[in-house]
C-alpha atoms as a PDB file:
ATOM      1  CA  MET A   1     -82.664 -91.336 -58.346  1.00  0.00           C
ATOM      2  CA  TYR A   2     -79.822 -89.216 -59.237  1.00  0.00           C
ATOM      3  CA  PRO A   3     -77.654 -90.146 -61.706  1.00  0.00           C
ATOM      4  CA  PHE A   4     -74.323 -91.846 -61.492  1.00  0.00           C
ATOM      5  CA  ILE A   5     -71.303 -90.790 -62.334  1.00  0.00           C
ATOM      6  CA  GLU A   6     -67.347 -92.063 -63.243  1.00  0.00           C
ATOM      7  CA  THR A   7     -64.627 -89.526 -63.172  1.00  0.00           C
ATOM      8  CA  ILE A   8     -61.572 -90.913 -65.326  1.00  0.00           C
ATOM      9  CA  ARG A   9     -58.050 -89.467 -65.707  1.00  0.00           C
ATOM     10  CA  ILE A  10     -56.927 -88.994 -69.529  1.00  0.00           C
ATOM     11  CA  GLU A  11     -53.234 -89.478 -70.036  1.00  0.00           C
ATOM     12  CA  GLN A  12     -51.316 -89.169 -73.583  1.00  0.00           C
ATOM     13  CA  GLY A  13     -54.508 -89.721 -74.969  1.00  0.00           C
ATOM     14  CA  LYS A  14     -55.575 -93.176 -72.957  1.00  0.00           C
ATOM     15  CA  ALA A  15     -58.031 -93.268 -70.178  1.00  0.00           C
ATOM     16  CA  CYS A  16     -56.161 -94.384 -67.062  1.00  0.00           C
ATOM     17  CA  ASN A  17     -57.510 -97.453 -65.358  1.00  0.00           C
ATOM     18  CA  LEU A  18     -60.433 -97.980 -67.952  1.00  0.00           C
ATOM     19  CA  SER A  19     -61.254-101.610 -67.100  1.00  0.00           C
ATOM     20  CA  TYR A  20     -61.771-100.521 -63.348  1.00  0.00           C
ATOM     21  CA  HIS A  21     -64.136 -98.047 -64.362  1.00  0.00           C
ATOM     22  CA  ASN A  22     -65.960-100.005 -66.469  1.00  0.00           C
ATOM     23  CA  GLU A  23     -66.433-102.602 -64.038  1.00  0.00           C
ATOM     24  CA  ARG A  24     -67.829 -99.999 -61.467  1.00  0.00           C
ATOM     25  CA  LEU A  25     -69.965 -98.719 -63.842  1.00  0.00           C
ATOM     26  CA  ASN A  26     -71.798-101.894 -64.925  1.00  0.00           C
ATOM     27  CA  ASN A  27     -71.992-103.186 -61.552  1.00  0.00           C
ATOM     28  CA  THR A  28     -73.617-100.276 -60.661  1.00  0.00           C
ATOM     29  CA  LEU A  29     -75.935-100.529 -63.174  1.00  0.00           C
ATOM     30  CA  HIS A  30     -76.681-104.074 -62.938  1.00  0.00           C
ATOM     31  CA  HIS A  31     -77.355-103.360 -58.807  1.00  0.00           C
ATOM     32  CA  PHE A  32     -80.345-101.057 -59.717  1.00  0.00           C
ATOM     33  CA  TRP A  33     -81.497-101.851 -63.254  1.00  0.00           C
ATOM     34  CA  PRO A  34     -80.466-105.688 -63.399  1.00  0.00           C
ATOM     35  CA  ASP A  35     -82.009-106.023 -67.152  1.00  0.00           C
ATOM     36  CA  CYS A  36     -80.521-103.405 -68.313  1.00  0.00           C
ATOM     37  CA  ALA A  37     -77.579-104.207 -70.916  1.00  0.00           C
ATOM     38  CA  GLY A  38     -73.992-103.665 -70.188  1.00  0.00           C
ATOM     39  CA  ILE A  39     -71.889-100.155 -71.347  1.00  0.00           C
ATOM     40  CA  GLU A  40     -68.219-100.479 -72.832  1.00  0.00           C
ATOM     41  CA  LEU A  41     -66.789 -97.084 -71.944  1.00  0.00           C
ATOM     42  CA  GLY A  42     -64.277 -97.322 -74.292  1.00  0.00           C
ATOM     43  CA  GLU A  43     -66.827 -97.058 -77.406  1.00  0.00           C
ATOM     44  CA  TYR A  44     -67.955 -93.897 -75.728  1.00  0.00           C
ATOM     45  CA  LEU A  45     -64.837 -91.742 -75.108  1.00  0.00           C
ATOM     46  CA  LYS A  46     -63.362 -89.463 -77.818  1.00  0.00           C
ATOM     47  CA  LEU A  47     -59.842 -89.258 -76.706  1.00  0.00           C
ATOM     48  CA  THR A  48     -56.988 -87.833 -78.821  1.00  0.00           C
ATOM     49  CA  PRO A  49     -53.176 -88.127 -78.506  1.00  0.00           C
ATOM     50  CA  GLU A  50     -52.553 -84.547 -77.109  1.00  0.00           C
ATOM     51  CA  MET A  51     -55.126 -85.264 -74.338  1.00  0.00           C
ATOM     52  CA  SER A  52     -53.126 -85.034 -70.737  1.00  0.00           C
ATOM     53  CA  GLY A  53     -53.844 -84.207 -67.497  1.00  0.00           C
ATOM     54  CA  MET A  54     -57.859 -84.373 -68.079  1.00  0.00           C
ATOM     55  CA  LYS A  55     -60.728 -85.075 -66.174  1.00  0.00           C
ATOM     56  CA  CYS A  56     -63.407 -87.006 -67.967  1.00  0.00           C
ATOM     57  CA  ARG A  57     -66.674 -86.952 -66.342  1.00  0.00           C
ATOM     58  CA  VAL A  58     -69.369 -89.569 -67.345  1.00  0.00           C
ATOM     59  CA  ILE A  59     -72.604 -89.328 -66.313  1.00  0.00           C
ATOM     60  CA  TYR A  60     -75.215 -92.461 -66.799  1.00  0.00           C
ATOM     61  CA  ASP A  61     -78.388 -93.952 -65.248  1.00  0.00           C
ATOM     62  CA  GLY A  62     -80.575 -97.032 -66.510  1.00  0.00           C
ATOM     63  CA  GLY A  63     -80.908 -95.695 -69.968  1.00  0.00           C
ATOM     64  CA  GLY A  64     -77.178 -95.515 -70.753  1.00  0.00           C
ATOM     65  CA  ILE A  65     -74.682 -92.684 -70.986  1.00  0.00           C
ATOM     66  CA  LYS A  66     -76.351 -89.263 -70.080  1.00  0.00           C
ATOM     67  CA  GLU A  67     -73.181 -86.844 -70.535  1.00  0.00           C
ATOM     68  CA  ILE A  68     -69.640 -86.912 -70.922  1.00  0.00           C
ATOM     69  CA  SER A  69     -67.358 -83.833 -70.590  1.00  0.00           C
ATOM     70  CA  TYR A  70     -63.411 -83.354 -70.443  1.00  0.00           C
ATOM     71  CA  GLU A  71     -61.585 -80.542 -68.381  1.00  0.00           C
ATOM     72  CA  ALA A  72     -58.292 -79.724 -67.518  1.00  0.00           C
ATOM     73  CA  TYR A  73     -57.527 -81.373 -63.846  1.00  0.00           C
ATOM     74  CA  GLN A  74     -56.041 -79.219 -61.285  1.00  0.00           C
ATOM     75  CA  MET A  75     -55.444 -80.837 -57.861  1.00  0.00           C
ATOM     76  CA  ARG A  76     -56.959 -78.972 -54.461  1.00  0.00           C
ATOM     77  CA  PRO A  77     -54.389 -78.318 -52.105  1.00  0.00           C
ATOM     78  CA  VAL A  78     -54.614 -80.230 -48.827  1.00  0.00           C
ATOM     79  CA  HIS A  79     -52.372 -79.541 -45.944  1.00  0.00           C
ATOM     80  CA  SER A  80     -55.003 -80.665 -42.970  1.00  0.00           C
ATOM     81  CA  LEU A  81     -58.025 -82.990 -42.246  1.00  0.00           C
ATOM     82  CA  GLN A  82     -60.586 -82.718 -39.735  1.00  0.00           C
ATOM     83  CA  LEU A  83     -62.275 -85.825 -38.293  1.00  0.00           C
ATOM     84  CA  VAL A  84     -65.490 -85.993 -38.340  1.00  0.00           C
ATOM     85  CA  TYR A  85     -68.159 -88.689 -37.379  1.00  0.00           C
ATOM     86  CA  SER A  86     -71.502 -89.915 -39.544  1.00  0.00           C
ATOM     87  CA  ASP A  87     -72.818 -93.410 -38.749  1.00  0.00           C
ATOM     88  CA  ASP A  88     -75.307 -93.586 -41.275  1.00  0.00           C
ATOM     89  CA  ILE A  89     -73.465 -91.924 -44.430  1.00  0.00           C
ATOM     90  CA  ASP A  90     -73.919 -94.173 -47.324  1.00  0.00           C
ATOM     91  CA  TYR A  91     -71.612 -93.383 -50.614  1.00  0.00           C
ATOM     92  CA  THR A  92     -71.401 -97.198 -51.822  1.00  0.00           C
ATOM     93  CA  TYR A  93     -72.474 -95.867 -55.448  1.00  0.00           C
ATOM     94  CA  LYS A  94     -70.524 -93.155 -57.113  1.00  0.00           C
ATOM     95  CA  SER A  95     -73.235 -90.646 -57.181  1.00  0.00           C
ATOM     96  CA  THR A  96     -73.997 -86.925 -58.397  1.00  0.00           C
ATOM     97  CA  ASP A  97     -75.829 -86.638 -55.025  1.00  0.00           C
ATOM     98  CA  ARG A  98     -72.849 -85.405 -52.623  1.00  0.00           C
ATOM     99  CA  GLU A  99     -75.230 -83.446 -50.301  1.00  0.00           C
ATOM    100  CA  ALA A 100     -74.413 -85.919 -47.468  1.00  0.00           C
ATOM    101  CA  LEU A 101     -70.646 -85.592 -48.335  1.00  0.00           C
ATOM    102  CA  ASN A 102     -71.075 -81.762 -48.529  1.00  0.00           C
ATOM    103  CA  ARG A 103     -72.902 -81.407 -45.049  1.00  0.00           C
ATOM    104  CA  LEU A 104     -69.774 -82.968 -43.673  1.00  0.00           C
ATOM    105  CA  PHE A 105     -67.232 -81.152 -45.362  1.00  0.00           C
ATOM    106  CA  ALA A 106     -68.895 -77.953 -44.095  1.00  0.00           C
ATOM    107  CA  CYS A 107     -67.911 -79.208 -40.679  1.00  0.00           C
ATOM    108  CA  ARG A 108     -64.222 -78.781 -41.603  1.00  0.00           C
ATOM    109  CA  GLY A 109     -63.836 -75.503 -39.602  1.00  0.00           C
ATOM    110  CA  GLU A 110     -59.989 -74.228 -40.488  1.00  0.00           C
ATOM    111  CA  ARG A 111     -58.864 -77.620 -41.835  1.00  0.00           C
ATOM    112  CA  ASP A 112     -58.725 -78.303 -45.700  1.00  0.00           C
ATOM    113  CA  ASP A 113     -60.711 -81.441 -45.968  1.00  0.00           C
ATOM    114  CA  ILE A 114     -62.564 -84.008 -43.757  1.00  0.00           C
ATOM    115  CA  LEU A 115     -61.608 -87.492 -42.918  1.00  0.00           C
ATOM    116  CA  ILE A 116     -64.904 -89.334 -42.010  1.00  0.00           C
ATOM    117  CA  VAL A 117     -65.174 -92.062 -39.255  1.00  0.00           C
ATOM    118  CA  ARG A 118     -68.107 -94.408 -39.782  1.00  0.00           C
ATOM    119  CA  ARG A 119     -68.962 -96.827 -37.037  1.00  0.00           C
ATOM    120  CA  GLY A 120     -65.838 -96.093 -35.139  1.00  0.00           C
ATOM    121  CA  LEU A 121     -63.771 -96.716 -38.267  1.00  0.00           C
ATOM    122  CA  LEU A 122     -61.969 -94.479 -40.596  1.00  0.00           C
ATOM    123  CA  THR A 123     -63.251 -94.457 -44.251  1.00  0.00           C
ATOM    124  CA  ASP A 124     -62.731 -91.551 -47.042  1.00  0.00           C
ATOM    125  CA  THR A 125     -62.258 -87.787 -46.975  1.00  0.00           C
ATOM    126  CA  SER A 126     -64.707 -85.600 -48.807  1.00  0.00           C
ATOM    127  CA  ILE A 127     -63.180 -86.574 -52.422  1.00  0.00           C
ATOM    128  CA  ALA A 128     -60.180 -89.553 -51.854  1.00  0.00           C
ATOM    129  CA  ASN A 129     -59.596 -92.899 -50.435  1.00  0.00           C
ATOM    130  CA  ILE A 130     -56.931 -92.723 -47.979  1.00  0.00           C
ATOM    131  CA  ALA A 131     -53.854 -95.051 -46.998  1.00  0.00           C
ATOM    132  CA  LEU A 132     -51.673 -94.727 -43.812  1.00  0.00           C
ATOM    133  CA  PHE A 133     -47.826 -95.932 -43.576  1.00  0.00           C
ATOM    134  CA  ASP A 134     -46.797 -97.733 -40.386  1.00  0.00           C
ATOM    135  CA  GLY A 135     -43.301 -97.928 -41.421  1.00  0.00           C
ATOM    136  CA  LYS A 136     -43.223-100.703 -43.299  1.00  0.00           C
ATOM    137  CA  ASP A 137     -46.479-101.069 -45.239  1.00  0.00           C
ATOM    138  CA  TRP A 138     -49.831 -98.774 -46.439  1.00  0.00           C
ATOM    139  CA  PHE A 139     -52.733 -99.966 -45.112  1.00  0.00           C
ATOM    140  CA  THR A 140     -55.991 -98.322 -46.344  1.00  0.00           C
ATOM    141  CA  PRO A 141     -59.456 -98.536 -44.410  1.00  0.00           C
ATOM    142  CA  LYS A 142     -61.251-102.311 -45.137  1.00  0.00           C
ATOM    143  CA  LEU A 143     -64.857-100.499 -45.601  1.00  0.00           C
ATOM    144  CA  PRO A 144     -64.612 -97.029 -47.304  1.00  0.00           C
ATOM    145  CA  LEU A 145     -67.431 -95.107 -48.348  1.00  0.00           C
ATOM    146  CA  LEU A 146     -66.516 -95.757 -51.692  1.00  0.00           C
ATOM    147  CA  ARG A 147     -64.332 -98.548 -53.473  1.00  0.00           C
ATOM    148  CA  GLY A 148     -62.358 -96.200 -55.818  1.00  0.00           C
ATOM    149  CA  THR A 149     -60.965 -97.672 -58.774  1.00  0.00           C
ATOM    150  CA  CYS A 150     -57.345 -96.672 -57.983  1.00  0.00           C
ATOM    151  CA  ARG A 151     -57.855 -98.292 -54.614  1.00  0.00           C
ATOM    152  CA  THR A 152     -58.923-101.372 -56.149  1.00  0.00           C
ATOM    153  CA  ALA A 153     -56.272-101.305 -58.424  1.00  0.00           C
ATOM    154  CA  LEU A 154     -53.280-100.893 -55.746  1.00  0.00           C
ATOM    155  CA  ILE A 155     -54.704-103.647 -53.835  1.00  0.00           C
ATOM    156  CA  ASP A 156     -54.839-105.844 -56.845  1.00  0.00           C
ATOM    157  CA  SER A 157     -51.373-105.082 -57.683  1.00  0.00           C
ATOM    158  CA  GLY A 158     -50.235-105.305 -53.715  1.00  0.00           C
ATOM    159  CA  VAL A 159     -48.929-101.737 -53.085  1.00  0.00           C
ATOM    160  CA  ILE A 160     -51.598-101.088 -50.403  1.00  0.00           C
ATOM    161  CA  LYS A 161     -53.267-103.668 -47.961  1.00  0.00           C
ATOM    162  CA  GLU A 162     -56.663-103.598 -46.462  1.00  0.00           C
ATOM    163  CA  LYS A 163     -57.434-103.190 -42.542  1.00  0.00           C
ATOM    164  CA  ASN A 164     -59.815-101.553 -40.020  1.00  0.00           C
ATOM    165  CA  ILE A 165     -58.471 -98.328 -38.815  1.00  0.00           C
ATOM    166  CA  ARG A 166     -59.618 -96.528 -35.761  1.00  0.00           C
ATOM    167  CA  PRO A 167     -59.119 -92.953 -35.059  1.00  0.00           C
ATOM    168  CA  GLU A 168     -57.128 -93.948 -31.619  1.00  0.00           C
ATOM    169  CA  GLU A 169     -54.957 -96.133 -33.599  1.00  0.00           C
ATOM    170  CA  LEU A 170     -53.559 -93.072 -35.656  1.00  0.00           C
ATOM    171  CA  SER A 171     -50.619 -92.595 -33.502  1.00  0.00           C
ATOM    172  CA  SER A 172     -49.550 -95.867 -34.939  1.00  0.00           C
ATOM    173  CA  TYR A 173     -48.977 -94.553 -38.492  1.00  0.00           C
ATOM    174  CA  SER A 174     -46.746 -91.625 -39.767  1.00  0.00           C
ATOM    175  CA  PHE A 175     -48.162 -90.922 -42.930  1.00  0.00           C
ATOM    176  CA  VAL A 176     -51.545 -90.783 -44.638  1.00  0.00           C
ATOM    177  CA  ARG A 177     -51.774 -90.510 -48.516  1.00  0.00           C
ATOM    178  CA  LEU A 178     -54.972 -89.318 -50.271  1.00  0.00           C
ATOM    179  CA  PHE A 179     -55.609 -90.592 -53.739  1.00  0.00           C
ATOM    180  CA  ASN A 180     -58.587 -91.172 -56.289  1.00  0.00           C
ATOM    181  CA  ALA A 181     -58.687 -91.551 -59.936  1.00  0.00           C
ATOM    182  CA  MET A 182     -57.494 -88.005 -60.670  1.00  0.00           C
ATOM    183  CA  ILE A 183     -55.005 -87.744 -57.299  1.00  0.00           C
ATOM    184  CA  LYS A 184     -52.089 -90.286 -58.328  1.00  0.00           C
ATOM    185  CA  TRP A 185     -50.841 -92.521 -55.952  1.00  0.00           C
ATOM    186  CA  GLY A 186     -48.211 -90.467 -54.127  1.00  0.00           C
ATOM    187  CA  ALA A 187     -49.019 -87.166 -55.314  1.00  0.00           C
ATOM    188  CA  LEU A 188     -50.851 -86.201 -51.899  1.00  0.00           C
ATOM    189  CA  GLU A 189     -49.411 -87.305 -48.693  1.00  0.00           C
ATOM    190  CA  LEU A 190     -49.599 -85.826 -44.986  1.00  0.00           C
ATOM    191  CA  SER A 191     -48.023 -86.269 -41.799  1.00  0.00           C
ATOM    192  CA  THR A 192     -50.592 -87.901 -39.462  1.00  0.00           C
ATOM    193  CA  GLY A 193     -50.163 -84.934 -37.219  1.00  0.00           C
ATOM    194  CA  THR A 194     -52.078 -82.716 -39.365  1.00  0.00           C
ATOM    195  CA  ILE A 195     -55.338 -84.896 -38.927  1.00  0.00           C
ATOM    196  CA  TYR A 196     -56.938 -83.110 -36.078  1.00  0.00           C
ATOM    197  CA  GLU A 197     -59.796 -84.446 -33.798  1.00  0.00           C
END
């Protein structure tokens, strides 16, 4: 089994959404290793006040934390998305094994990233959750590949709502936002016209 991973944004010496990362890490541990002790991520992070715009990568398995690294984060520009289809892809748990995602990403053609359709429903891009704007509200797919920590926080705060969304319904929405632990809400927004069949 491949190890698992948490990617945490560090701003002004603080770990963003740490409680959500902690919860997901421990849920993953208890799913695969029911008897293992829980982990308090905050006890392992070595943060200083000048750390900002940093990406913290935590690799772990049933034996505990294996590696923690820090690096400056640079958002990859995304201007277009290619719809790709895979009914059997599973990325429920955030693993270091991205082989299936990488295979789909290779099908993007001239586009910058992919938008994965599983069993007739929109899910995620290769690196981010999505939300679509219908002119009034932002909706995120109810069955994403990965329940991201930022996604969970946005749902809990009422910023986005869950909904099953089919590719043929894309014309009902004007904008799509990509977001994850590193890409802040609102930092990456595209017209739905840049999503290609």
